[in-house]
Amino acid sequence: MKIDAAARRNLMKFVCSFAWTDLKVQQAERDLVMRIAGHLGLSDAEVAEVKGWLATPPSPDEIDPTTIPHEHKEMFLSVVEMVAAADGRIVPAERDSLVLFRDLLED
């Protein structure tokens, strides 16, 4: 699915916020996030922004599941699930965040 720049930015904020759920970004999560950025064809400036979110999580005020367009919800959920599982384990905080995210995305 092709998504516009605003949707890509929003997706990457969610991805990075999920990488921070257990309060530490693991190398496997960082690697996956950067592969996602490459797959989406992010510009150098966008990649720099993502690297910033991997160093310091995006503000919770910027992460609002209700802003995700209906046609992108499945993709967002799928990608954040991959990030949560990237380090080979899903800790309770990640599991709880995924459940809440799924619930918020339901129509």
N, C-alpha and C. Protein backbone atom coordinates (compact mmCIF):
# COMPACT_ATOMS: atom_id res chain seq x y z
N MET A 1 0.84 -1.18 0.00
CA MET A 1 0.00 0.00 0.00
C MET A 1 0.88 1.24 0.00
N LYS A 2 0.56 2.17 -0.85
CA LYS A 2 1.30 3.43 -0.93
C LYS A 2 0.64 4.42 0.02
N ILE A 3 1.45 5.06 0.84
CA ILE A 3 0.90 6.06 1.76
C ILE A 3 1.65 7.37 1.59
N ASP A 4 0.95 8.47 1.87
CA ASP A 4 1.55 9.79 1.67
C ASP A 4 2.52 10.11 2.81
N ALA A 5 3.22 11.23 2.66
CA ALA A 5 4.26 11.61 3.61
C ALA A 5 3.72 11.77 5.03
N ALA A 6 2.55 12.36 5.17
CA ALA A 6 1.98 12.56 6.52
C ALA A 6 1.66 11.21 7.17
N ALA A 7 1.12 10.28 6.40
CA ALA A 7 0.81 8.95 6.94
C ALA A 7 2.09 8.19 7.27
N ARG A 8 3.12 8.32 6.44
CA ARG A 8 4.40 7.67 6.73
C ARG A 8 4.98 8.20 8.04
N ARG A 9 4.92 9.50 8.20
CA ARG A 9 5.45 10.12 9.43
C ARG A 9 4.67 9.62 10.64
N ASN A 10 3.36 9.58 10.52
CA ASN A 10 2.51 9.11 11.62
C ASN A 10 2.82 7.65 11.94
N LEU A 11 2.95 6.82 10.90
CA LEU A 11 3.28 5.41 11.10
C LEU A 11 4.60 5.28 11.84
N MET A 12 5.60 6.02 11.42
CA MET A 12 6.90 5.89 12.05
C MET A 12 6.89 6.37 13.50
N LYS A 13 6.05 7.35 13.82
CA LYS A 13 5.90 7.77 15.22
C LYS A 13 5.35 6.61 16.05
N PHE A 14 4.32 5.95 15.52
CA PHE A 14 3.74 4.80 16.23
C PHE A 14 4.77 3.69 16.38
N VAL A 15 5.48 3.41 15.30
CA VAL A 15 6.49 2.35 15.32
C VAL A 15 7.54 2.65 16.40
N CYS A 16 8.05 3.86 16.41
CA CYS A 16 9.07 4.23 17.40
C CYS A 16 8.49 4.21 18.81
N SER A 17 7.27 4.67 18.98
CA SER A 17 6.68 4.65 20.33
C SER A 17 6.53 3.22 20.83
N PHE A 18 6.20 2.28 19.95
CA PHE A 18 6.09 0.88 20.37
C PHE A 18 7.47 0.30 20.68
N ALA A 19 8.48 0.75 19.99
CA ALA A 19 9.83 0.28 20.30
C ALA A 19 10.24 0.71 21.72
N TRP A 20 9.67 1.81 22.20
CA TRP A 20 9.98 2.34 23.52
C TRP A 20 9.09 1.77 24.63
N THR A 21 8.12 0.94 24.31
CA THR A 21 7.14 0.49 25.30
C THR A 21 7.78 -0.11 26.54
N ASP A 22 8.85 -0.88 26.37
CA ASP A 22 9.52 -1.48 27.53
C ASP A 22 10.66 -0.60 28.04
N LEU A 23 10.65 0.67 27.63
CA LEU A 23 11.57 1.71 28.10
C LEU A 23 13.00 1.59 27.58
N LYS A 24 13.23 0.67 26.65
CA LYS A 24 14.56 0.54 26.05
C LYS A 24 14.39 0.01 24.63
N VAL A 25 15.01 0.68 23.69
CA VAL A 25 14.96 0.23 22.30
C VAL A 25 16.09 -0.78 22.09
N GLN A 26 15.71 -2.02 21.83
CA GLN A 26 16.68 -3.08 21.59
C GLN A 26 17.25 -2.93 20.17
N GLN A 27 18.43 -3.47 19.95
CA GLN A 27 19.06 -3.38 18.64
C GLN A 27 18.19 -4.01 17.56
N ALA A 28 17.55 -5.14 17.86
CA ALA A 28 16.68 -5.79 16.87
C ALA A 28 15.50 -4.89 16.50
N GLU A 29 14.98 -4.15 17.48
CA GLU A 29 13.88 -3.22 17.21
C GLU A 29 14.39 -2.06 16.35
N ARG A 30 15.55 -1.55 16.71
CA ARG A 30 16.16 -0.43 15.95
C ARG A 30 16.39 -0.86 14.49
N ASP A 31 16.94 -2.06 14.32
CA ASP A 31 17.20 -2.55 12.96
C ASP A 31 15.91 -2.68 12.17
N LEU A 32 14.87 -3.21 12.79
CA LEU A 32 13.59 -3.36 12.09
C LEU A 32 13.00 -2.01 11.73
N VAL A 33 13.05 -1.07 12.66
CA VAL A 33 12.53 0.27 12.39
C VAL A 33 13.25 0.89 11.19
N MET A 34 14.55 0.73 11.13
CA MET A 34 15.30 1.30 10.00
C MET A 34 14.99 0.56 8.70
N ARG A 35 14.74 -0.75 8.76
CA ARG A 35 14.32 -1.48 7.55
C ARG A 35 12.95 -0.98 7.07
N ILE A 36 12.05 -0.72 8.02
CA ILE A 36 10.73 -0.19 7.66
C ILE A 36 10.90 1.18 6.99
N ALA A 37 11.75 2.01 7.56
CA ALA A 37 12.01 3.33 6.98
C ALA A 37 12.53 3.19 5.55
N GLY A 38 13.42 2.24 5.34
CA GLY A 38 13.94 2.01 4.00
C GLY A 38 12.87 1.51 3.05
N HIS A 39 12.03 0.61 3.54
CA HIS A 39 10.95 0.06 2.72
C HIS A 39 9.96 1.15 2.30
N LEU A 40 9.73 2.10 3.20
CA LEU A 40 8.80 3.19 2.90
C LEU A 40 9.43 4.28 2.03
N GLY A 41 10.73 4.19 1.82
CA GLY A 41 11.41 5.18 0.98
C GLY A 41 11.50 6.55 1.63
N LEU A 42 11.75 6.59 2.93
CA LEU A 42 11.84 7.86 3.62
C LEU A 42 13.01 8.68 3.11
N SER A 43 12.83 9.99 3.12
CA SER A 43 13.91 10.90 2.73
C SER A 43 14.95 10.93 3.84
N ASP A 44 16.09 11.53 3.55
CA ASP A 44 17.15 11.66 4.56
C ASP A 44 16.64 12.42 5.78
N ALA A 45 15.86 13.46 5.56
CA ALA A 45 15.31 14.25 6.68
C ALA A 45 14.35 13.40 7.51
N GLU A 46 13.52 12.59 6.84
CA GLU A 46 12.59 11.73 7.56
C GLU A 46 13.34 10.65 8.36
N VAL A 47 14.38 10.09 7.77
CA VAL A 47 15.20 9.09 8.47
C VAL A 47 15.84 9.72 9.71
N ALA A 48 16.32 10.95 9.57
CA ALA A 48 16.92 11.65 10.72
C ALA A 48 15.88 11.83 11.83
N GLU A 49 14.66 12.14 11.45
CA GLU A 49 13.59 12.29 12.44
C GLU A 49 13.32 10.96 13.14
N VAL A 50 13.28 9.88 12.38
CA VAL A 50 13.06 8.55 12.96
C VAL A 50 14.20 8.20 13.92
N LYS A 51 15.42 8.49 13.53
CA LYS A 51 16.56 8.23 14.42
C LYS A 51 16.42 9.02 15.71
N GLY A 52 15.90 10.23 15.60
CA GLY A 52 15.65 11.03 16.80
C GLY A 52 14.62 10.37 17.71
N TRP A 53 13.56 9.81 17.10
CA TRP A 53 12.54 9.12 17.90
C TRP A 53 13.07 7.83 18.51
N LEU A 54 14.09 7.24 17.90
CA LEU A 54 14.70 6.05 18.48
C LEU A 54 15.63 6.44 19.64
N ALA A 55 16.12 7.67 19.64
CA ALA A 55 16.96 8.16 20.74
C ALA A 55 16.10 8.68 21.89
N THR A 56 14.99 9.33 21.54
CA THR A 56 14.04 9.88 22.51
C THR A 56 12.64 9.63 21.95
N PRO A 57 11.78 8.98 22.71
CA PRO A 57 10.47 8.63 22.14
C PRO A 57 9.63 9.85 21.76
N PRO A 58 8.77 9.67 20.76
CA PRO A 58 7.86 10.76 20.40
C PRO A 58 6.98 11.11 21.60
N SER A 59 6.56 12.34 21.66
CA SER A 59 5.68 12.79 22.74
C SER A 59 4.36 12.02 22.69
N PRO A 60 3.86 11.58 23.84
CA PRO A 60 2.56 10.88 23.85
C PRO A 60 1.44 11.72 23.22
N ASP A 61 1.57 13.05 23.29
CA ASP A 61 0.56 13.93 22.69
C ASP A 61 0.50 13.78 21.18
N GLU A 62 1.58 13.27 20.58
CA GLU A 62 1.66 13.12 19.13
C GLU A 62 1.17 11.75 18.66
N ILE A 63 0.86 10.85 19.59
CA ILE A 63 0.47 9.48 19.26
C ILE A 63 -1.01 9.32 19.55
N ASP A 64 -1.83 9.43 18.51
CA ASP A 64 -3.27 9.34 18.68
C ASP A 64 -3.85 8.36 17.66
N PRO A 65 -4.20 7.16 18.11
CA PRO A 65 -4.74 6.16 17.18
C PRO A 65 -5.99 6.60 16.43
N THR A 66 -6.71 7.57 16.96
CA THR A 66 -7.93 8.01 16.27
C THR A 66 -7.61 8.80 15.01
N THR A 67 -6.34 9.19 14.83
CA THR A 67 -5.95 9.94 13.63
C THR A 67 -5.59 9.01 12.47
N ILE A 68 -5.55 7.72 12.72
CA ILE A 68 -5.17 6.77 11.67
C ILE A 68 -6.36 6.54 10.74
N PRO A 69 -6.20 6.82 9.45
CA PRO A 69 -7.30 6.60 8.51
C PRO A 69 -7.71 5.12 8.49
N HIS A 70 -8.97 4.88 8.30
CA HIS A 70 -9.51 3.52 8.30
C HIS A 70 -8.72 2.58 7.38
N GLU A 71 -8.36 3.06 6.20
CA GLU A 71 -7.67 2.21 5.22
C GLU A 71 -6.24 1.87 5.63
N HIS A 72 -5.70 2.53 6.67
CA HIS A 72 -4.33 2.26 7.12
C HIS A 72 -4.28 1.46 8.42
N LYS A 73 -5.41 1.25 9.06
CA LYS A 73 -5.42 0.64 10.39
C LYS A 73 -4.77 -0.74 10.43
N GLU A 74 -5.09 -1.59 9.49
CA GLU A 74 -4.50 -2.94 9.48
C GLU A 74 -2.99 -2.87 9.31
N MET A 75 -2.53 -2.01 8.42
CA MET A 75 -1.10 -1.87 8.19
C MET A 75 -0.40 -1.36 9.45
N PHE A 76 -0.95 -0.34 10.10
CA PHE A 76 -0.34 0.19 11.32
C PHE A 76 -0.26 -0.91 12.38
N LEU A 77 -1.33 -1.64 12.57
CA LEU A 77 -1.35 -2.69 13.58
C LEU A 77 -0.31 -3.76 13.26
N SER A 78 -0.26 -4.18 12.02
CA SER A 78 0.69 -5.20 11.61
C SER A 78 2.13 -4.76 11.86
N VAL A 79 2.45 -3.54 11.52
CA VAL A 79 3.81 -3.05 11.67
C VAL A 79 4.18 -2.90 13.15
N VAL A 80 3.28 -2.36 13.97
CA VAL A 80 3.64 -2.22 15.39
C VAL A 80 3.74 -3.59 16.07
N GLU A 81 2.96 -4.57 15.61
CA GLU A 81 3.09 -5.93 16.15
C GLU A 81 4.47 -6.50 15.82
N MET A 82 4.95 -6.25 14.61
CA MET A 82 6.29 -6.72 14.22
C MET A 82 7.37 -6.07 15.10
N VAL A 83 7.22 -4.78 15.37
CA VAL A 83 8.20 -4.08 16.19
C VAL A 83 8.17 -4.61 17.63
N ALA A 84 6.98 -4.82 18.16
CA ALA A 84 6.87 -5.34 19.53
C ALA A 84 7.54 -6.70 19.67
N ALA A 85 7.49 -7.51 18.63
CA ALA A 85 8.06 -8.86 18.68
C ALA A 85 9.49 -8.93 18.13
N ALA A 86 10.04 -7.82 17.69
CA ALA A 86 11.34 -7.81 17.00
C ALA A 86 12.48 -8.38 17.83
N ASP A 87 12.44 -8.18 19.13
CA ASP A 87 13.54 -8.66 19.97
C ASP A 87 13.32 -10.09 20.47
N GLY A 88 12.30 -10.74 19.93
CA GLY A 88 12.06 -12.14 20.26
C GLY A 88 11.19 -12.38 21.48
N ARG A 89 10.72 -11.31 22.09
CA ARG A 89 9.83 -11.47 23.24
C ARG A 89 8.89 -10.29 23.31
N ILE A 90 7.73 -10.55 23.84
CA ILE A 90 6.75 -9.48 24.06
C ILE A 90 6.51 -9.43 25.56
N VAL A 91 7.01 -8.37 26.18
CA VAL A 91 6.86 -8.20 27.63
C VAL A 91 5.43 -7.74 27.93
N PRO A 92 4.99 -7.90 29.18
CA PRO A 92 3.61 -7.52 29.52
C PRO A 92 3.24 -6.09 29.10
N ALA A 93 4.13 -5.14 29.25
CA ALA A 93 3.81 -3.76 28.86
C ALA A 93 3.53 -3.67 27.36
N GLU A 94 4.31 -4.41 26.56
CA GLU A 94 4.09 -4.42 25.11
C GLU A 94 2.76 -5.10 24.78
N ARG A 95 2.50 -6.20 25.44
CA ARG A 95 1.24 -6.92 25.22
C ARG A 95 0.05 -6.02 25.55
N ASP A 96 0.13 -5.35 26.69
CA ASP A 96 -0.95 -4.44 27.10
C ASP A 96 -1.13 -3.30 26.10
N SER A 97 -0.02 -2.75 25.63
CA SER A 97 -0.10 -1.66 24.65
C SER A 97 -0.70 -2.13 23.33
N LEU A 98 -0.36 -3.34 22.92
CA LEU A 98 -0.93 -3.89 21.68
C LEU A 98 -2.43 -4.11 21.82
N VAL A 99 -2.85 -4.63 22.96
CA VAL A 99 -4.29 -4.85 23.19
C VAL A 99 -5.02 -3.52 23.15
N LEU A 100 -4.49 -2.52 23.83
CA LEU A 100 -5.11 -1.20 23.85
C LEU A 100 -5.14 -0.60 22.44
N PHE A 101 -4.04 -0.73 21.71
CA PHE A 101 -3.97 -0.20 20.35
C PHE A 101 -5.02 -0.86 19.47
N ARG A 102 -5.11 -2.20 19.55
CA ARG A 102 -6.14 -2.93 18.76
C ARG A 102 -7.54 -2.42 19.11
N ASP A 103 -7.80 -2.27 20.40
CA ASP A 103 -9.12 -1.82 20.83
C ASP A 103 -9.43 -0.42 20.30
N LEU A 104 -8.44 0.46 20.32
CA LEU A 104 -8.65 1.83 19.85
C LEU A 104 -8.84 1.89 18.33
N LEU A 105 -8.31 0.91 17.62
CA LEU A 105 -8.45 0.89 16.17
C LEU A 105 -9.75 0.28 15.68
N GLU A 106 -10.46 -0.41 16.57
CA GLU A 106 -11.72 -1.04 16.15
C GLU A 106 -12.73 0.03 15.78
N ASP A 107 -13.47 -0.30 14.77
CA ASP A 107 -14.52 0.65 14.29
C ASP A 107 -15.73 0.62 15.17
